[in-house]
Amino acid sequence: MNCQSCGQRPATVKIRHLVNGRMQDINLCNSCAEERAVFKNSPFGSSLFDSFFSGSPFQREQIPFGGYREPERINIVDYFSERAKKVVEESIAAAKEYKSKYVDTEHLLLGLLEEEVSEKIINDLGIKPDDLKAYIEQNIVEGMNESDRIDFSPRAKKALEQAFYASREFGHNYVGSEHILLGLIREGEGMAAQVLKKYGVDEEKAKKVILKDI
């Protein structure tokens, strides 16, 4: 079977993606699969494909077309709402600003502060967004990375995976900025989780505000 995108190379990967609120399977070659994992119109040009699927629980074993075992790759980026994409893009910008080699949980938290809905949720949790941003900026560690290539840290990957699970628990067919906030809390070890804990935010409290605001 040939790739259902280019129609030329052999299909080696089955990817599930979201179309009009429904999941559909598409059989792709490795090259087209990689291309589909990049944010559309992203100014950063970095693929999230390897970031999300390397050691990720979103891999599932299957017998593909060539008779060998290849993990089925579910691109969770397809579930991201425009708000969630904005948070991730802002977090990438923050990581680059601080010359970090990785997008970490503190950068995701800074990204949440740049998105209107999550900023309102944080404010409704009794935290002044400007104060939270100032605290993070005072405590963040600046790196020495000059490369445009940037990856997600294991903690950031875990937080985004937990955001996916949180969205499912709410019965939502998308991952929004509110789910990323819950993912950061659930991750539990990164700077974001520790800062939110310092400000008195736990998962139960966050869920109550989210249910009220969304």
Protein backbone atom coordinates (compact mmCIF):
# COMPACT_ATOMS: atom_id res chain seq x y z
CA MET A 1 0.00 0.00 0.00
CA ASN A 2 1.32 3.44 -0.91
CA CYS A 3 1.20 6.53 1.30
CA GLN A 4 -2.26 8.14 1.26
CA SER A 5 -0.67 11.58 1.22
CA CYS A 6 2.09 11.56 -1.43
CA GLY A 7 0.90 8.40 -3.20
CA GLN A 8 4.48 7.49 -4.07
CA ARG A 9 6.37 6.01 -1.12
CA PRO A 10 5.27 2.83 0.70
CA ALA A 11 3.03 3.42 3.72
CA THR A 12 4.79 2.37 6.91
CA VAL A 13 2.94 4.30 9.63
CA LYS A 14 -0.71 4.51 10.57
CA ILE A 15 -1.63 7.82 12.20
CA ARG A 16 -4.88 8.76 13.85
CA HIS A 17 -5.89 12.36 13.34
CA LEU A 18 -8.86 14.56 14.15
CA VAL A 19 -11.19 15.55 11.30
CA ASN A 20 -14.37 17.51 12.10
CA GLY A 21 -14.33 16.23 15.67
CA ARG A 22 -13.87 12.57 14.69
CA MET A 23 -10.77 10.41 14.69
CA GLN A 24 -9.75 8.92 11.35
CA ASP A 25 -6.87 6.61 10.38
CA ILE A 26 -4.50 7.52 7.56
CA ASN A 27 -1.64 5.39 6.26
CA LEU A 28 1.51 7.40 5.57
CA CYS A 29 5.16 7.02 4.68
CA ASN A 30 7.69 8.19 7.27
CA SER A 31 8.37 11.46 5.43
CA CYS A 32 4.73 12.53 5.21
CA ALA A 33 4.12 11.43 8.80
CA GLU A 34 6.95 13.69 9.94
CA GLU A 35 5.58 16.64 7.94
CA ARG A 36 2.10 16.29 9.44
CA ALA A 37 3.52 16.52 12.96
CA VAL A 38 4.72 20.10 12.50
CA PHE A 39 2.41 22.89 13.66
CA LYS A 40 0.78 24.44 10.60
CA ASN A 41 2.15 27.94 9.99
CA SER A 42 4.39 27.65 13.03
CA PRO A 43 7.14 30.28 13.04
CA PHE A 44 9.43 27.93 14.94
CA GLY A 45 9.76 25.18 12.34
CA SER A 46 10.48 22.44 14.89
CA SER A 47 8.72 19.08 14.72
CA LEU A 48 6.90 17.82 17.77
CA PHE A 49 6.72 14.33 16.26
CA ASP A 50 9.74 12.83 18.01
CA SER A 51 9.08 14.87 21.14
CA PHE A 52 5.70 13.29 21.74
CA PHE A 53 6.34 9.78 20.48
CA SER A 54 9.81 8.99 21.83
CA GLY A 55 9.12 6.86 24.90
CA SER A 56 5.52 8.04 24.93
CA PRO A 57 2.51 6.02 26.11
CA PHE A 58 0.80 7.03 22.88
CA GLN A 59 2.66 4.27 21.04
CA ARG A 60 0.71 1.08 20.41
CA GLU A 61 2.07 -2.10 18.83
CA GLN A 62 0.63 -3.24 15.52
CA ILE A 63 1.63 -5.42 12.55
CA PRO A 64 2.00 -2.93 9.66
CA PHE A 65 2.19 -3.49 5.95
CA GLY A 66 5.72 -4.89 5.73
CA GLY A 67 5.12 -7.63 8.29
CA TYR A 68 7.36 -6.10 10.98
CA ARG A 69 6.30 -4.43 14.19
CA GLU A 70 6.01 -0.67 14.09
CA PRO A 71 4.34 1.44 16.80
CA GLU A 72 1.10 3.09 15.79
CA ARG A 73 1.71 6.77 16.20
CA ILE A 74 -1.14 8.88 17.48
CA ASN A 75 -0.35 12.54 16.91
CA ILE A 76 -1.78 14.23 19.99
CA VAL A 77 -1.03 17.60 18.43
CA ASP A 78 -4.08 16.94 16.25
CA TYR A 79 -6.17 17.23 19.41
CA PHE A 80 -4.72 20.61 20.40
CA SER A 81 -7.10 23.55 20.18
CA GLU A 82 -5.82 26.85 18.80
CA ARG A 83 -5.51 28.02 22.41
CA ALA A 84 -3.33 25.05 23.32
CA LYS A 85 -1.17 25.58 20.24
CA LYS A 86 -0.69 29.20 21.25
CA VAL A 87 0.43 28.11 24.73
CA VAL A 88 2.96 25.67 23.28
CA GLU A 89 4.26 28.21 20.78
CA GLU A 90 4.61 30.83 23.52
CA SER A 91 6.43 28.28 25.66
CA ILE A 92 8.87 27.59 22.83
CA ALA A 93 9.46 31.34 22.50
CA ALA A 94 10.08 31.59 26.25
CA ALA A 95 12.54 28.70 26.19
CA LYS A 96 14.44 30.35 23.34
CA GLU A 97 14.41 33.69 25.13
CA TYR A 98 16.09 32.07 28.14
CA LYS A 99 18.46 30.12 25.85
CA SER A 100 17.23 26.79 27.14
CA LYS A 101 17.96 23.60 25.25
CA TYR A 102 14.54 22.28 26.27
CA VAL A 103 11.01 23.53 26.71
CA ASP A 104 10.37 22.74 30.37
CA THR A 105 7.32 23.06 32.61
CA GLU A 106 8.15 26.64 33.65
CA HIS A 107 8.11 27.67 29.99
CA LEU A 108 4.70 26.02 29.56
CA LEU A 109 3.45 27.95 32.58
CA LEU A 110 4.75 31.18 31.07
CA GLY A 111 2.94 30.19 27.87
CA LEU A 112 -0.32 29.81 29.80
CA LEU A 113 0.07 33.37 31.05
CA GLU A 114 0.10 34.58 27.44
CA GLU A 115 -3.23 32.94 26.60
CA GLU A 116 -6.47 34.69 27.52
CA VAL A 117 -8.55 31.78 28.86
CA SER A 118 -5.82 30.20 30.99
CA GLU A 119 -4.79 33.63 32.27
CA LYS A 120 -8.39 34.16 33.47
CA ILE A 121 -8.42 30.74 35.16
CA ILE A 122 -5.18 31.58 36.97
CA ASN A 123 -6.62 34.92 38.03
CA ASP A 124 -9.80 33.19 39.29
CA LEU A 125 -7.58 30.86 41.32
CA GLY A 126 -6.62 33.93 43.32
CA ILE A 127 -3.26 34.49 41.65
CA LYS A 128 -2.31 37.75 39.98
CA PRO A 129 -0.88 36.70 36.59
CA ASP A 130 1.72 39.49 36.65
CA ASP A 131 2.94 38.37 40.08
CA LEU A 132 3.18 34.76 38.95
CA LYS A 133 5.08 35.75 35.81
CA ALA A 134 7.49 37.90 37.81
CA TYR A 135 8.16 35.07 40.27
CA ILE A 136 8.91 32.60 37.47
CA GLU A 137 11.18 35.06 35.69
CA GLN A 138 13.09 35.74 38.90
CA ASN A 139 13.71 32.03 39.51
CA ILE A 140 14.12 30.64 36.02
CA VAL A 141 17.60 29.45 35.06
CA GLU A 142 19.01 30.95 31.88
CA GLY A 143 20.90 28.52 29.66
CA MET A 144 23.53 28.87 26.98
CA ASN A 145 21.77 27.32 23.99
CA GLU A 146 22.10 29.32 20.77
CA SER A 147 20.53 26.74 18.46
CA ASP A 148 17.10 27.17 16.89
CA ARG A 149 16.53 23.46 17.41
CA ILE A 150 14.67 22.84 20.64
CA ASP A 151 13.08 19.79 22.23
CA PHE A 152 10.66 19.15 25.07
CA SER A 153 12.03 17.97 28.41
CA PRO A 154 10.72 14.69 29.87
CA ARG A 155 8.77 16.72 32.44
CA ALA A 156 7.15 18.88 29.76
CA LYS A 157 6.24 15.79 27.72
CA LYS A 158 4.69 14.21 30.79
CA ALA A 159 2.69 17.38 31.51
CA LEU A 160 1.33 17.48 27.95
CA GLU A 161 0.47 13.79 28.09
CA GLN A 162 -1.36 14.38 31.37
CA ALA A 163 -3.18 17.28 29.68
CA PHE A 164 -4.39 14.81 27.06
CA TYR A 165 -5.66 12.43 29.74
CA ALA A 166 -7.34 15.31 31.61
CA SER A 167 -9.21 16.34 28.47
CA ARG A 168 -10.52 12.79 28.06
CA GLU A 169 -11.67 12.75 31.69
CA PHE A 170 -13.68 15.92 31.03
CA GLY A 171 -15.23 14.23 28.01
CA HIS A 172 -13.65 16.78 25.67
CA ASN A 173 -12.47 15.90 22.16
CA TYR A 174 -9.74 18.55 22.26
CA VAL A 175 -6.81 19.55 24.45
CA GLY A 176 -7.15 23.15 25.61
CA SER A 177 -5.05 25.49 27.70
CA GLU A 178 -7.10 24.53 30.77
CA HIS A 179 -6.01 20.91 30.33
CA ILE A 180 -2.36 21.97 30.05
CA LEU A 181 -2.71 23.71 33.41
CA LEU A 182 -4.01 20.46 34.92
CA GLY A 183 -1.21 18.56 33.21
CA LEU A 184 1.39 20.80 34.84
CA ILE A 185 -0.17 20.20 38.26
CA ARG A 186 -0.33 16.43 37.72
CA GLU A 187 3.28 16.26 36.53
CA GLY A 188 4.18 17.10 40.11
CA GLU A 189 7.95 17.51 39.96
CA GLY A 190 8.79 20.37 37.63
CA MET A 191 9.17 24.03 38.47
CA ALA A 192 5.61 24.78 37.31
CA ALA A 193 4.07 22.24 39.71
CA GLN A 194 6.18 23.54 42.57
CA VAL A 195 5.30 27.18 41.85
CA LEU A 196 1.57 26.41 41.58
CA LYS A 197 1.78 24.50 44.86
CA LYS A 198 3.49 27.50 46.47
CA TYR A 199 0.54 29.64 45.36
CA GLY A 200 -1.93 27.16 46.86
CA VAL A 201 -3.16 25.56 43.64
CA ASP A 202 -3.93 21.85 43.57
CA GLU A 203 -5.80 19.73 41.04
CA GLU A 204 -9.14 19.77 42.86
CA LYS A 205 -9.12 23.55 43.21
CA ALA A 206 -8.11 24.02 39.59
CA LYS A 207 -10.84 21.68 38.33
CA LYS A 208 -13.53 23.64 40.22
CA VAL A 209 -12.43 26.90 38.63
CA ILE A 210 -12.13 25.32 35.17
CA LEU A 211 -15.65 23.89 35.37
CA LYS A 212 -16.91 27.34 36.30
CA ASP A 213 -14.98 29.24 33.63
CA ILE A 214 -15.19 26.89 30.63
